[in-house]
Amino acid sequence: MQYESGYAYPFTQNYSIGLHPWHVNSQWQNAWEQYLPLLNNKHIWAVGECGLDALCKTPIEIQTEAFRVQIETACKLQLPLIIHCVKSFDKVLGILKDYPKVHAAFHGFNKNVSLAQQITKRGYYLSFGEALAHPRNQETLKHINLKQVLLETDYATIQIEKVYTLAAQTLAMQLDRLQEQIFDNCEHFFGKKLIL
């Protein structure tokens, strides 16, 4: 979602709002101040994507400052956090230790079993998308608690139905049973009762 100052966005679907690390710069506080009033809208279900990205041009210190403010906001408003993390897992996990009440999901997860287990042992969720087509990610999915899994498409060209099919095949699970579990996971993660 793009938001411009002075524009009354017509919230008719559910969204998350956050400052993605790619868009954080030395003036990030101004953008965040514009987003803050929107976070009280009933259609805002999470804070994010936010996090750390070691490959982006913004200095990690500025990214960290923006990330911490967004975590604090999520905690204050009791909203879950959607995390973007690239080559910064140790730093992100270190920061999250300071916020034991934050409810978070690592978006676009495509790492190994060991890291996945480290993250899920802390109670966080992992969200998988098109990367499930790769054997390493399929192996990761097999070795974590399914109750901490979300599925996504992000901006990929893959359809969500294909992501569900990949996950069901990987887990040797009936598609309808997987759909029920992910539905339950979404309700728990967002803290909302969903309607089909």
N, C-alpha and C. Protein backbone atom coordinates (compact mmCIF):
# COMPACT_ATOMS: atom_id res chain seq x y z
N MET A 1 0.84 -1.18 0.00
CA MET A 1 0.00 0.00 0.00
C MET A 1 0.88 1.24 0.00
N GLN A 2 0.60 2.13 -0.87
CA GLN A 2 1.28 3.42 -0.87
C GLN A 2 0.38 4.43 -0.18
N TYR A 3 0.95 5.26 0.63
CA TYR A 3 0.18 6.28 1.33
C TYR A 3 0.86 7.61 1.09
N GLU A 4 0.07 8.59 0.71
CA GLU A 4 0.61 9.92 0.51
C GLU A 4 -0.06 10.87 1.49
N SER A 5 0.70 11.78 2.00
CA SER A 5 0.19 12.73 2.98
C SER A 5 -1.07 13.43 2.45
N GLY A 6 -2.08 13.50 3.30
CA GLY A 6 -3.30 14.20 2.93
C GLY A 6 -4.30 13.35 2.16
N TYR A 7 -3.95 12.14 1.83
CA TYR A 7 -4.84 11.27 1.06
C TYR A 7 -5.60 10.36 2.01
N ALA A 8 -6.90 10.43 1.97
CA ALA A 8 -7.73 9.57 2.83
C ALA A 8 -7.89 8.22 2.14
N TYR A 9 -7.11 7.27 2.55
CA TYR A 9 -7.10 5.96 1.89
C TYR A 9 -8.40 5.23 2.21
N PRO A 10 -9.08 4.72 1.19
CA PRO A 10 -10.33 4.00 1.44
C PRO A 10 -10.07 2.55 1.85
N PHE A 11 -9.93 2.29 3.13
CA PHE A 11 -9.65 0.95 3.62
C PHE A 11 -10.89 0.07 3.47
N THR A 12 -10.89 -0.81 2.51
CA THR A 12 -12.00 -1.75 2.34
C THR A 12 -11.51 -3.19 2.45
N GLN A 13 -10.20 -3.37 2.50
CA GLN A 13 -9.60 -4.68 2.72
C GLN A 13 -8.68 -4.56 3.92
N ASN A 14 -8.05 -5.67 4.28
CA ASN A 14 -7.15 -5.64 5.43
C ASN A 14 -5.71 -5.50 4.97
N TYR A 15 -4.92 -4.74 5.74
CA TYR A 15 -3.57 -4.39 5.34
C TYR A 15 -2.63 -4.47 6.53
N SER A 16 -1.36 -4.34 6.20
CA SER A 16 -0.35 -4.04 7.21
C SER A 16 0.29 -2.73 6.78
N ILE A 17 0.83 -2.02 7.74
CA ILE A 17 1.54 -0.77 7.43
C ILE A 17 2.89 -0.82 8.11
N GLY A 18 3.91 -0.51 7.34
CA GLY A 18 5.25 -0.47 7.90
C GLY A 18 6.22 0.20 6.96
N LEU A 19 7.39 0.47 7.49
CA LEU A 19 8.47 1.04 6.68
C LEU A 19 9.43 -0.08 6.32
N HIS A 20 9.36 -0.51 5.08
CA HIS A 20 10.25 -1.55 4.56
C HIS A 20 11.68 -1.02 4.58
N PRO A 21 12.65 -1.85 4.91
CA PRO A 21 14.04 -1.36 4.96
C PRO A 21 14.51 -0.68 3.67
N TRP A 22 13.99 -1.09 2.54
CA TRP A 22 14.39 -0.46 1.28
C TRP A 22 13.96 1.00 1.21
N HIS A 23 12.94 1.36 1.99
CA HIS A 23 12.39 2.72 1.93
C HIS A 23 12.71 3.55 3.16
N VAL A 24 13.53 3.00 4.03
CA VAL A 24 13.97 3.75 5.21
C VAL A 24 15.17 4.60 4.81
N ASN A 25 15.12 5.87 5.18
CA ASN A 25 16.26 6.75 4.94
C ASN A 25 16.41 7.66 6.15
N SER A 26 17.23 8.68 6.04
CA SER A 26 17.48 9.54 7.20
C SER A 26 16.24 10.33 7.62
N GLN A 27 15.23 10.38 6.77
CA GLN A 27 13.98 11.09 7.08
C GLN A 27 12.83 10.14 7.41
N TRP A 28 13.15 8.92 7.80
CA TRP A 28 12.11 7.91 8.01
C TRP A 28 11.09 8.30 9.07
N GLN A 29 11.50 9.10 10.06
CA GLN A 29 10.58 9.50 11.13
C GLN A 29 9.38 10.26 10.58
N ASN A 30 9.60 11.09 9.56
CA ASN A 30 8.49 11.86 8.97
C ASN A 30 7.45 10.92 8.35
N ALA A 31 7.92 9.93 7.62
CA ALA A 31 7.00 8.96 7.00
C ALA A 31 6.26 8.18 8.09
N TRP A 32 6.97 7.78 9.13
CA TRP A 32 6.33 7.01 10.19
C TRP A 32 5.26 7.83 10.90
N GLU A 33 5.51 9.10 11.11
CA GLU A 33 4.52 9.98 11.75
C GLU A 33 3.24 10.05 10.91
N GLN A 34 3.38 10.00 9.60
CA GLN A 34 2.20 10.00 8.74
C GLN A 34 1.43 8.69 8.83
N TYR A 35 2.14 7.59 9.05
CA TYR A 35 1.49 6.28 9.14
C TYR A 35 0.79 6.04 10.47
N LEU A 36 1.30 6.63 11.53
CA LEU A 36 0.78 6.35 12.87
C LEU A 36 -0.74 6.48 13.01
N PRO A 37 -1.36 7.55 12.51
CA PRO A 37 -2.82 7.64 12.67
C PRO A 37 -3.57 6.51 11.95
N LEU A 38 -3.00 5.99 10.91
CA LEU A 38 -3.65 4.92 10.15
C LEU A 38 -3.66 3.59 10.91
N LEU A 39 -2.74 3.41 11.82
CA LEU A 39 -2.61 2.14 12.52
C LEU A 39 -3.80 1.83 13.43
N ASN A 40 -4.61 2.81 13.73
CA ASN A 40 -5.78 2.58 14.56
C ASN A 40 -7.00 2.14 13.74
N ASN A 41 -6.87 2.10 12.42
CA ASN A 41 -7.97 1.68 11.57
C ASN A 41 -8.22 0.19 11.73
N LYS A 42 -9.47 -0.22 11.78
CA LYS A 42 -9.80 -1.64 11.99
C LYS A 42 -9.31 -2.53 10.86
N HIS A 43 -8.98 -1.95 9.71
CA HIS A 43 -8.50 -2.74 8.58
C HIS A 43 -6.98 -2.94 8.60
N ILE A 44 -6.32 -2.33 9.56
CA ILE A 44 -4.87 -2.54 9.71
C ILE A 44 -4.68 -3.67 10.70
N TRP A 45 -4.14 -4.76 10.22
CA TRP A 45 -4.02 -5.98 11.02
C TRP A 45 -2.61 -6.25 11.50
N ALA A 46 -1.61 -5.50 11.00
CA ALA A 46 -0.23 -5.78 11.39
C ALA A 46 0.65 -4.58 11.09
N VAL A 47 1.82 -4.58 11.71
CA VAL A 47 2.87 -3.61 11.40
C VAL A 47 3.90 -4.34 10.54
N GLY A 48 4.23 -3.74 9.41
CA GLY A 48 5.23 -4.34 8.54
C GLY A 48 4.84 -4.24 7.09
N GLU A 49 5.69 -4.65 6.24
CA GLU A 49 6.97 -5.27 6.44
C GLU A 49 7.94 -4.27 7.03
N CYS A 50 8.69 -4.72 7.97
CA CYS A 50 9.77 -3.92 8.53
C CYS A 50 10.88 -4.88 8.95
N GLY A 51 12.06 -4.37 9.15
CA GLY A 51 13.15 -5.24 9.56
C GLY A 51 14.50 -4.70 9.13
N LEU A 52 15.40 -5.63 8.84
CA LEU A 52 16.77 -5.28 8.45
C LEU A 52 17.14 -6.00 7.16
N ASP A 53 17.85 -5.28 6.31
CA ASP A 53 18.29 -5.84 5.03
C ASP A 53 19.73 -5.41 4.80
N ALA A 54 20.66 -6.34 4.94
CA ALA A 54 22.09 -6.03 4.81
C ALA A 54 22.48 -5.68 3.38
N LEU A 55 21.62 -5.95 2.43
CA LEU A 55 21.93 -5.65 1.03
C LEU A 55 21.41 -4.29 0.57
N CYS A 56 20.63 -3.63 1.41
CA CYS A 56 20.11 -2.33 0.97
C CYS A 56 21.09 -1.22 1.33
N LYS A 57 20.95 -0.09 0.66
CA LYS A 57 21.92 1.00 0.79
C LYS A 57 21.82 1.78 2.09
N THR A 58 20.68 1.74 2.74
CA THR A 58 20.51 2.48 3.99
C THR A 58 21.40 1.88 5.07
N PRO A 59 22.16 2.71 5.78
CA PRO A 59 23.01 2.19 6.86
C PRO A 59 22.20 1.37 7.87
N ILE A 60 22.79 0.29 8.33
CA ILE A 60 22.10 -0.63 9.24
C ILE A 60 21.67 0.07 10.54
N GLU A 61 22.40 1.08 10.96
CA GLU A 61 22.04 1.81 12.18
C GLU A 61 20.70 2.53 12.01
N ILE A 62 20.46 3.11 10.84
CA ILE A 62 19.20 3.79 10.58
C ILE A 62 18.07 2.76 10.45
N GLN A 63 18.34 1.66 9.75
CA GLN A 63 17.35 0.59 9.64
C GLN A 63 16.96 0.07 11.03
N THR A 64 17.96 -0.10 11.88
CA THR A 64 17.72 -0.63 13.23
C THR A 64 16.85 0.31 14.03
N GLU A 65 17.13 1.59 13.95
CA GLU A 65 16.34 2.59 14.67
C GLU A 65 14.88 2.53 14.22
N ALA A 66 14.65 2.50 12.92
CA ALA A 66 13.28 2.44 12.38
C ALA A 66 12.60 1.12 12.77
N PHE A 67 13.35 0.04 12.73
CA PHE A 67 12.81 -1.27 13.09
C PHE A 67 12.36 -1.28 14.55
N ARG A 68 13.20 -0.77 15.43
CA ARG A 68 12.84 -0.75 16.85
C ARG A 68 11.57 0.07 17.12
N VAL A 69 11.46 1.21 16.47
CA VAL A 69 10.27 2.04 16.67
C VAL A 69 9.02 1.30 16.19
N GLN A 70 9.14 0.58 15.10
CA GLN A 70 7.98 -0.17 14.59
C GLN A 70 7.62 -1.35 15.51
N ILE A 71 8.62 -1.99 16.07
CA ILE A 71 8.35 -3.06 17.04
C ILE A 71 7.63 -2.48 18.25
N GLU A 72 8.13 -1.36 18.76
CA GLU A 72 7.51 -0.72 19.92
C GLU A 72 6.06 -0.34 19.63
N THR A 73 5.81 0.14 18.41
CA THR A 73 4.44 0.49 18.03
C THR A 73 3.56 -0.76 17.98
N ALA A 74 4.07 -1.82 17.39
CA ALA A 74 3.32 -3.07 17.32
C ALA A 74 2.98 -3.57 18.73
N CYS A 75 3.93 -3.50 19.63
CA CYS A 75 3.69 -3.93 21.01
C CYS A 75 2.63 -3.06 21.68
N LYS A 76 2.76 -1.76 21.52
CA LYS A 76 1.83 -0.82 22.14
C LYS A 76 0.41 -1.04 21.63
N LEU A 77 0.26 -1.26 20.32
CA LEU A 77 -1.07 -1.42 19.73
C LEU A 77 -1.53 -2.88 19.70
N GLN A 78 -0.69 -3.77 20.20
CA GLN A 78 -0.97 -5.21 20.21
C GLN A 78 -1.29 -5.73 18.81
N LEU A 79 -0.44 -5.31 17.87
CA LEU A 79 -0.53 -5.79 16.49
C LEU A 79 0.65 -6.71 16.22
N PRO A 80 0.45 -7.73 15.39
CA PRO A 80 1.59 -8.57 15.02
C PRO A 80 2.54 -7.82 14.09
N LEU A 81 3.73 -8.35 13.97
CA LEU A 81 4.80 -7.73 13.20
C LEU A 81 5.17 -8.64 12.04
N ILE A 82 5.28 -8.09 10.84
CA ILE A 82 5.72 -8.84 9.67
C ILE A 82 7.13 -8.39 9.35
N ILE A 83 8.07 -9.34 9.42
CA ILE A 83 9.48 -9.01 9.34
C ILE A 83 10.09 -9.35 7.99
N HIS A 84 10.79 -8.36 7.45
CA HIS A 84 11.63 -8.54 6.26
C HIS A 84 13.06 -8.66 6.79
N CYS A 85 13.72 -9.75 6.47
CA CYS A 85 15.08 -9.97 6.98
C CYS A 85 15.95 -10.56 5.89
N VAL A 86 17.01 -9.83 5.54
CA VAL A 86 17.96 -10.31 4.54
C VAL A 86 19.36 -10.22 5.12
N LYS A 87 19.99 -11.38 5.27
CA LYS A 87 21.36 -11.48 5.77
C LYS A 87 21.56 -10.72 7.09
N SER A 88 20.53 -10.78 7.94
CA SER A 88 20.56 -10.04 9.20
C SER A 88 19.86 -10.80 10.32
N PHE A 89 19.76 -12.11 10.20
CA PHE A 89 18.98 -12.87 11.18
C PHE A 89 19.50 -12.75 12.59
N ASP A 90 20.81 -12.80 12.78
CA ASP A 90 21.35 -12.67 14.14
C ASP A 90 20.99 -11.32 14.75
N LYS A 91 21.10 -10.26 13.95
CA LYS A 91 20.77 -8.93 14.46
C LYS A 91 19.28 -8.81 14.77
N VAL A 92 18.44 -9.30 13.86
CA VAL A 92 17.00 -9.22 14.08
C VAL A 92 16.60 -10.01 15.32
N LEU A 93 17.10 -11.22 15.45
CA LEU A 93 16.77 -12.03 16.62
C LEU A 93 17.29 -11.40 17.91
N GLY A 94 18.45 -10.76 17.83
CA GLY A 94 18.99 -10.05 18.99
C GLY A 94 18.09 -8.89 19.40
N ILE A 95 17.60 -8.15 18.44
CA ILE A 95 16.70 -7.03 18.73
C ILE A 95 15.39 -7.56 19.32
N LEU A 96 14.86 -8.61 18.73
CA LEU A 96 13.57 -9.14 19.21
C LEU A 96 13.63 -9.62 20.65
N LYS A 97 14.82 -10.02 21.13
CA LYS A 97 14.95 -10.42 22.54
C LYS A 97 14.55 -9.29 23.49
N ASP A 98 14.69 -8.04 23.02
CA ASP A 98 14.33 -6.88 23.84
C ASP A 98 12.82 -6.66 23.91
N TYR A 99 12.07 -7.40 23.10
CA TYR A 99 10.62 -7.21 23.02
C TYR A 99 9.93 -8.57 23.13
N PRO A 100 9.92 -9.15 24.31
CA PRO A 100 9.41 -10.52 24.47
C PRO A 100 7.91 -10.67 24.17
N LYS A 101 7.16 -9.59 24.16
CA LYS A 101 5.73 -9.70 23.91
C LYS A 101 5.36 -9.55 22.44
N VAL A 102 6.32 -9.25 21.58
CA VAL A 102 5.99 -9.04 20.16
C VAL A 102 5.64 -10.37 19.50
N HIS A 103 4.62 -10.33 18.70
CA HIS A 103 4.12 -11.48 17.95
C HIS A 103 4.57 -11.25 16.51
N ALA A 104 5.43 -12.12 15.95
CA ALA A 104 6.05 -11.81 14.66
C ALA A 104 6.06 -12.99 13.70
N ALA A 105 6.10 -12.63 12.40
CA ALA A 105 6.26 -13.61 11.33
C ALA A 105 7.40 -13.15 10.42
N PHE A 106 8.27 -14.08 10.09
CA PHE A 106 9.35 -13.80 9.14
C PHE A 106 8.82 -14.09 7.75
N HIS A 107 8.64 -13.04 6.98
CA HIS A 107 8.03 -13.12 5.66
C HIS A 107 9.04 -13.62 4.61
N GLY A 108 8.54 -14.37 3.64
CA GLY A 108 9.37 -14.84 2.53
C GLY A 108 10.52 -15.72 2.99
N PHE A 109 10.28 -16.55 3.98
CA PHE A 109 11.36 -17.35 4.55
C PHE A 109 11.89 -18.36 3.53
N ASN A 110 13.21 -18.40 3.40
CA ASN A 110 13.84 -19.36 2.47
C ASN A 110 15.23 -19.77 2.96
N LYS A 111 15.29 -20.09 4.23
CA LYS A 111 16.57 -20.47 4.83
C LYS A 111 16.53 -21.93 5.30
N ASN A 112 17.58 -22.33 6.00
CA ASN A 112 17.74 -23.74 6.37
C ASN A 112 16.95 -24.14 7.61
N VAL A 113 16.93 -25.45 7.85
CA VAL A 113 16.18 -26.03 8.96
C VAL A 113 16.67 -25.47 10.30
N SER A 114 17.96 -25.39 10.49
CA SER A 114 18.52 -24.93 11.76
C SER A 114 18.02 -23.54 12.13
N LEU A 115 18.09 -22.61 11.19
CA LEU A 115 17.62 -21.25 11.46
C LEU A 115 16.11 -21.25 11.67
N ALA A 116 15.38 -22.00 10.88
CA ALA A 116 13.92 -22.08 11.04
C ALA A 116 13.56 -22.57 12.44
N GLN A 117 14.25 -23.58 12.92
CA GLN A 117 13.96 -24.10 14.25
C GLN A 117 14.34 -23.10 15.34
N GLN A 118 15.41 -22.37 15.12
CA GLN A 118 15.82 -21.34 16.08
C GLN A 118 14.72 -20.27 16.19
N ILE A 119 14.16 -19.89 15.07
CA ILE A 119 13.12 -18.85 15.04
C ILE A 119 11.82 -19.37 15.65
N THR A 120 11.41 -20.56 15.25
CA THR A 120 10.13 -21.08 15.75
C THR A 120 10.19 -21.45 17.24
N LYS A 121 11.37 -21.82 17.74
CA LYS A 121 11.49 -22.10 19.18
C LYS A 121 11.20 -20.86 20.01
N ARG A 122 11.37 -19.71 19.42
CA ARG A 122 11.07 -18.45 20.11
C ARG A 122 9.59 -18.07 19.98
N GLY A 123 8.84 -18.88 19.26
CA GLY A 123 7.41 -18.63 19.12
C GLY A 123 7.02 -17.84 17.90
N TYR A 124 7.97 -17.50 17.05
CA TYR A 124 7.66 -16.73 15.85
C TYR A 124 7.17 -17.64 14.72
N TYR A 125 6.51 -17.03 13.77
CA TYR A 125 6.00 -17.73 12.59
C TYR A 125 6.96 -17.58 11.43
N LEU A 126 6.87 -18.51 10.49
CA LEU A 126 7.59 -18.42 9.23
C LEU A 126 6.57 -18.42 8.11
N SER A 127 6.73 -17.50 7.17
CA SER A 127 5.82 -17.42 6.04
C SER A 127 6.58 -17.81 4.78
N PHE A 128 6.04 -18.82 4.08
CA PHE A 128 6.68 -19.35 2.88
C PHE A 128 5.89 -18.96 1.65
N GLY A 129 6.61 -18.74 0.55
CA GLY A 129 5.98 -18.43 -0.72
C GLY A 129 6.56 -19.28 -1.82
N GLU A 130 6.87 -18.65 -2.94
CA GLU A 130 7.34 -19.37 -4.11
C GLU A 130 8.64 -20.13 -3.87
N ALA A 131 9.38 -19.77 -2.86
CA ALA A 131 10.64 -20.48 -2.55
C ALA A 131 10.39 -21.93 -2.15
N LEU A 132 9.13 -22.28 -1.88
CA LEU A 132 8.82 -23.69 -1.57
C LEU A 132 9.06 -24.61 -2.75
N ALA A 133 9.28 -24.06 -3.92
CA ALA A 133 9.60 -24.89 -5.09
C ALA A 133 11.01 -25.47 -4.98
N HIS A 134 11.84 -24.94 -4.07
CA HIS A 134 13.22 -25.40 -3.91
C HIS A 134 13.31 -26.47 -2.83
N PRO A 135 14.05 -27.53 -3.08
CA PRO A 135 14.15 -28.65 -2.12
C PRO A 135 14.60 -28.24 -0.72
N ARG A 136 15.52 -27.29 -0.60
CA ARG A 136 15.98 -26.88 0.74
C ARG A 136 14.83 -26.34 1.57
N ASN A 137 13.97 -25.55 0.94
CA ASN A 137 12.85 -24.96 1.66
C ASN A 137 11.78 -26.00 1.97
N GLN A 138 11.64 -26.98 1.11
CA GLN A 138 10.71 -28.07 1.39
C GLN A 138 11.20 -28.86 2.61
N GLU A 139 12.49 -29.08 2.68
CA GLU A 139 13.07 -29.78 3.83
C GLU A 139 12.85 -28.97 5.11
N THR A 140 13.01 -27.67 5.02
CA THR A 140 12.78 -26.79 6.17
C THR A 140 11.33 -26.90 6.64
N LEU A 141 10.40 -26.84 5.71
CA LEU A 141 8.98 -26.92 6.06
C LEU A 141 8.65 -28.23 6.78
N LYS A 142 9.30 -29.31 6.39
CA LYS A 142 9.03 -30.62 7.00
C LYS A 142 9.48 -30.69 8.46
N HIS A 143 10.40 -29.81 8.86
CA HIS A 143 11.02 -29.92 10.19
C HIS A 143 10.62 -28.82 11.16
N ILE A 144 9.53 -28.13 10.90
CA ILE A 144 9.07 -27.12 11.84
C ILE A 144 7.61 -27.39 12.19
N ASN A 145 7.17 -26.78 13.26
CA ASN A 145 5.79 -26.93 13.72
C ASN A 145 4.85 -26.27 12.72
N LEU A 146 3.96 -27.05 12.16
CA LEU A 146 3.02 -26.53 11.16
C LEU A 146 2.14 -25.42 11.72
N LYS A 147 1.96 -25.39 13.04
CA LYS A 147 1.15 -24.35 13.66
C LYS A 147 1.82 -22.98 13.63
N GLN A 148 3.07 -22.94 13.18
CA GLN A 148 3.80 -21.68 13.08
C GLN A 148 4.13 -21.34 11.63
N VAL A 149 3.31 -21.83 10.71
CA VAL A 149 3.54 -21.61 9.28
C VAL A 149 2.42 -20.77 8.69
N LEU A 150 2.81 -19.82 7.87
CA LEU A 150 1.89 -19.05 7.04
C LEU A 150 2.34 -19.24 5.59
N LEU A 151 1.44 -19.02 4.66
CA LEU A 151 1.76 -19.11 3.23
C LEU A 151 1.42 -17.79 2.56
N GLU A 152 2.19 -17.44 1.53
CA GLU A 152 2.06 -16.13 0.90
C GLU A 152 2.45 -16.18 -0.57
N THR A 153 2.14 -15.10 -1.26
CA THR A 153 2.63 -14.93 -2.63
C THR A 153 3.57 -13.73 -2.72
N ASP A 154 3.39 -12.74 -1.89
CA ASP A 154 4.11 -11.48 -1.97
C ASP A 154 3.87 -10.91 -3.36
N TYR A 155 4.91 -10.45 -4.03
CA TYR A 155 4.74 -9.88 -5.38
C TYR A 155 5.09 -10.89 -6.46
N ALA A 156 5.25 -12.12 -6.11
CA ALA A 156 5.63 -13.14 -7.07
C ALA A 156 4.49 -13.43 -8.04
N THR A 157 4.85 -14.01 -9.15
CA THR A 157 3.84 -14.35 -10.16
C THR A 157 3.11 -15.64 -9.82
N ILE A 158 3.59 -16.37 -8.85
CA ILE A 158 2.96 -17.63 -8.46
C ILE A 158 1.60 -17.35 -7.80
N GLN A 159 0.65 -18.19 -8.07
CA GLN A 159 -0.68 -18.08 -7.46
C GLN A 159 -0.65 -18.75 -6.07
N ILE A 160 -1.46 -18.26 -5.16
CA ILE A 160 -1.48 -18.82 -3.80
C ILE A 160 -1.88 -20.29 -3.83
N GLU A 161 -2.74 -20.68 -4.77
CA GLU A 161 -3.13 -22.08 -4.88
C GLU A 161 -1.92 -22.98 -5.13
N LYS A 162 -0.98 -22.49 -5.91
CA LYS A 162 0.24 -23.25 -6.20
C LYS A 162 1.10 -23.38 -4.94
N VAL A 163 1.17 -22.32 -4.15
CA VAL A 163 1.94 -22.37 -2.90
C VAL A 163 1.33 -23.41 -1.97
N TYR A 164 0.01 -23.41 -1.86
CA TYR A 164 -0.66 -24.41 -1.03
C TYR A 164 -0.41 -25.82 -1.54
N THR A 165 -0.46 -26.00 -2.85
CA THR A 165 -0.21 -27.31 -3.43
C THR A 165 1.21 -27.78 -3.15
N LEU A 166 2.18 -26.88 -3.30
CA LEU A 166 3.58 -27.23 -2.99
C LEU A 166 3.73 -27.63 -1.53
N ALA A 167 3.10 -26.88 -0.64
CA ALA A 167 3.21 -27.18 0.79
C ALA A 167 2.54 -28.52 1.11
N ALA A 168 1.37 -28.76 0.55
CA ALA A 168 0.66 -30.01 0.81
C ALA A 168 1.46 -31.21 0.30
N GLN A 169 2.03 -31.08 -0.89
CA GLN A 169 2.84 -32.17 -1.45
C GLN A 169 4.08 -32.40 -0.60
N THR A 170 4.72 -31.33 -0.18
CA THR A 170 5.93 -31.43 0.66
C THR A 170 5.62 -32.16 1.96
N LEU A 171 4.47 -31.87 2.54
CA LEU A 171 4.11 -32.44 3.83
C LEU A 171 3.33 -33.75 3.71
N ALA A 172 3.09 -34.19 2.47
CA ALA A 172 2.28 -35.39 2.22
C ALA A 172 0.96 -35.28 2.99
N MET A 173 0.30 -34.16 2.79
CA MET A 173 -0.89 -33.82 3.55
C MET A 173 -2.02 -33.51 2.59
N GLN A 174 -3.24 -33.82 2.98
CA GLN A 174 -4.40 -33.46 2.17
C GLN A 174 -4.50 -31.94 2.09
N LEU A 175 -4.78 -31.44 0.90
CA LEU A 175 -4.84 -30.00 0.68
C LEU A 175 -5.88 -29.33 1.59
N ASP A 176 -7.05 -29.93 1.75
CA ASP A 176 -8.08 -29.30 2.58
C ASP A 176 -7.66 -29.24 4.05
N ARG A 177 -6.94 -30.23 4.51
CA ARG A 177 -6.44 -30.22 5.90
C ARG A 177 -5.39 -29.12 6.08
N LEU A 178 -4.50 -28.97 5.09
CA LEU A 178 -3.51 -27.90 5.15
C LEU A 178 -4.21 -26.54 5.15
N GLN A 179 -5.20 -26.36 4.31
CA GLN A 179 -5.92 -25.09 4.26
C GLN A 179 -6.54 -24.77 5.61
N GLU A 180 -7.12 -25.76 6.26
CA GLU A 180 -7.72 -25.55 7.59
C GLU A 180 -6.66 -25.12 8.60
N GLN A 181 -5.48 -25.77 8.56
CA GLN A 181 -4.42 -25.43 9.50
C GLN A 181 -3.91 -24.02 9.27
N ILE A 182 -3.67 -23.65 8.02
CA ILE A 182 -3.18 -22.30 7.73
C ILE A 182 -4.22 -21.26 8.11
N PHE A 183 -5.49 -21.56 7.88
CA PHE A 183 -6.58 -20.67 8.29
C PHE A 183 -6.51 -20.45 9.81
N ASP A 184 -6.39 -21.54 10.56
CA ASP A 184 -6.27 -21.43 12.03
C ASP A 184 -5.03 -20.62 12.40
N ASN A 185 -3.92 -20.85 11.72
CA ASN A 185 -2.69 -20.12 12.00
C ASN A 185 -2.88 -18.62 11.77
N CYS A 186 -3.56 -18.27 10.69
CA CYS A 186 -3.81 -16.86 10.39
C CYS A 186 -4.67 -16.21 11.48
N GLU A 187 -5.69 -16.93 11.91
CA GLU A 187 -6.52 -16.39 12.99
C GLU A 187 -5.69 -16.15 14.25
N HIS A 188 -4.84 -17.09 14.58
CA HIS A 188 -4.01 -16.95 15.77
C HIS A 188 -2.99 -15.82 15.59
N PHE A 189 -2.33 -15.79 14.45
CA PHE A 189 -1.29 -14.78 14.23
C PHE A 189 -1.88 -13.37 14.26
N PHE A 190 -2.96 -13.15 13.53
CA PHE A 190 -3.54 -11.81 13.45
C PHE A 190 -4.45 -11.48 14.62
N GLY A 191 -4.84 -12.50 15.39
CA GLY A 191 -5.73 -12.26 16.51
C GLY A 191 -7.11 -11.83 16.07
N LYS A 192 -7.53 -12.33 14.92
CA LYS A 192 -8.82 -11.97 14.35
C LYS A 192 -9.58 -13.23 13.97
N LYS A 193 -10.87 -13.17 14.06
CA LYS A 193 -11.73 -14.24 13.59
C LYS A 193 -11.94 -14.01 12.11
N LEU A 194 -11.54 -14.96 11.29
CA LEU A 194 -11.66 -14.83 9.84
C LEU A 194 -12.96 -15.46 9.36
N ILE A 195 -13.47 -14.92 8.28
CA ILE A 195 -14.68 -15.45 7.66
C ILE A 195 -14.34 -15.83 6.24
N LEU A 196 -14.73 -17.03 5.86
CA LEU A 196 -14.49 -17.48 4.48
C LEU A 196 -15.51 -16.90 3.55
